[in-house]
Amino acid sequence: MNQWSMEHLLLECEASGQARVWQLAEEPWSQKETGWISPDFGTILGCALIIIKDSEGKHKTRDSRLYRMLVSESTHLIWKMRCDRVTTSLG
């Protein structure tokens, strides 16, 4: 995978601190019945469409909303951390 790709930055880059951000995002989820869905690039891109369902197939609205917020806010934080790191190294 290209080291300059968005996928690399969000899921693999050690310099960005992304692994720690995803660990922190998973913590509030640990109290839920549904297991944590480890984000991949497709999940990140489509996080606004995620629907969490219970074992009977019923939509868990609050869980879905929480997961969407955790993924989207974590993605934004990783991007901001990258921007700060790049800006600092340039100046």
Protein backbone atom coordinates (compact mmCIF):
# COMPACT_ATOMS: atom_id res chain seq x y z
CA MET A 1 0.00 0.00 0.00
CA ASN A 2 1.20 3.50 -0.79
CA GLN A 3 2.63 5.28 2.25
CA TRP A 4 0.93 8.48 1.09
CA SER A 5 -2.56 7.03 0.90
CA MET A 6 -5.42 8.00 3.18
CA GLU A 7 -5.89 4.33 4.03
CA HIS A 8 -2.29 4.14 5.24
CA LEU A 9 -2.67 7.30 7.32
CA LEU A 10 -5.88 6.18 9.02
CA LEU A 11 -5.07 2.52 9.61
CA GLU A 12 -1.34 1.81 9.41
CA CYS A 13 0.84 4.88 9.89
CA GLU A 14 2.82 4.61 13.11
CA ALA A 15 3.85 8.28 13.01
CA SER A 16 0.27 9.54 13.16
CA GLY A 17 -0.66 7.82 16.45
CA GLN A 18 -3.69 6.29 14.77
CA ALA A 19 -3.42 2.99 16.65
CA ARG A 20 -3.86 4.78 19.99
CA VAL A 21 -6.83 6.76 18.69
CA TRP A 22 -8.58 3.56 17.61
CA GLN A 23 -7.85 1.96 21.00
CA LEU A 24 -9.42 4.95 22.74
CA ALA A 25 -12.45 4.81 20.41
CA GLU A 26 -13.01 1.18 21.30
CA GLU A 27 -13.06 1.78 25.07
CA PRO A 28 -16.59 3.25 25.42
CA TRP A 29 -17.86 0.53 23.09
CA SER A 30 -16.65 -2.24 25.44
CA GLN A 31 -19.77 -1.72 27.59
CA LYS A 32 -22.04 -2.66 24.66
CA GLU A 33 -23.39 -6.14 23.93
CA THR A 34 -22.27 -5.95 20.32
CA GLY A 35 -18.58 -6.56 19.74
CA TRP A 36 -16.41 -3.75 18.41
CA ILE A 37 -16.26 -3.62 14.61
CA SER A 38 -12.61 -2.84 13.87
CA PRO A 39 -12.71 -0.15 11.22
CA ASP A 40 -11.27 -0.84 7.81
CA PHE A 41 -11.06 1.74 5.05
CA GLY A 42 -14.52 0.90 3.69
CA THR A 43 -16.09 1.13 7.14
CA ILE A 44 -14.48 4.53 7.66
CA LEU A 45 -15.71 5.84 4.32
CA GLY A 46 -19.21 4.50 4.86
CA CYS A 47 -19.50 5.01 8.62
CA ALA A 48 -22.56 7.26 8.23
CA LEU A 49 -24.44 4.28 6.79
CA ILE A 50 -23.60 1.77 9.53
CA ILE A 51 -26.61 0.15 11.18
CA ILE A 52 -26.01 -1.96 14.28
CA LYS A 53 -28.61 -4.67 14.87
CA ASP A 54 -29.30 -6.95 17.80
CA SER A 55 -29.44 -10.74 17.57
CA GLU A 56 -33.08 -10.54 16.45
CA GLY A 57 -32.29 -8.12 13.62
CA LYS A 58 -33.76 -5.07 15.34
CA HIS A 59 -31.99 -1.76 14.65
CA LYS A 60 -30.10 -0.52 17.71
CA THR A 61 -30.41 3.21 17.02
CA ARG A 62 -28.27 4.44 19.92
CA ASP A 63 -25.50 1.93 19.29
CA SER A 64 -25.48 2.81 15.59
CA ARG A 65 -25.26 6.51 16.42
CA LEU A 66 -22.44 5.94 18.93
CA TYR A 67 -20.43 3.83 16.48
CA ARG A 68 -20.83 6.46 13.75
CA MET A 69 -19.62 9.18 16.10
CA LEU A 70 -16.66 7.15 17.35
CA VAL A 71 -15.47 6.32 13.84
CA SER A 72 -16.03 9.75 12.30
CA GLU A 73 -14.53 11.69 15.21
CA SER A 74 -11.56 9.33 15.45
CA THR A 75 -10.93 9.71 11.74
CA HIS A 76 -11.04 13.50 12.09
CA LEU A 77 -8.66 13.40 15.07
CA ILE A 78 -6.15 11.24 13.19
CA TRP A 79 -6.27 13.68 10.28
CA LYS A 80 -5.77 16.69 12.57
CA MET A 81 -2.84 14.97 14.31
CA ARG A 82 -1.27 14.33 10.92
CA CYS A 83 -1.74 17.97 9.89
CA ASP A 84 -0.16 19.20 13.13
CA ARG A 85 2.79 16.82 12.69
CA VAL A 86 3.38 17.88 9.09
CA THR A 87 3.00 21.58 9.88
CA THR A 88 5.44 21.29 12.79
CA SER A 89 8.02 19.49 10.65
CA LEU A 90 7.82 22.21 7.97
CA GLY A 91 8.20 25.17 10.23
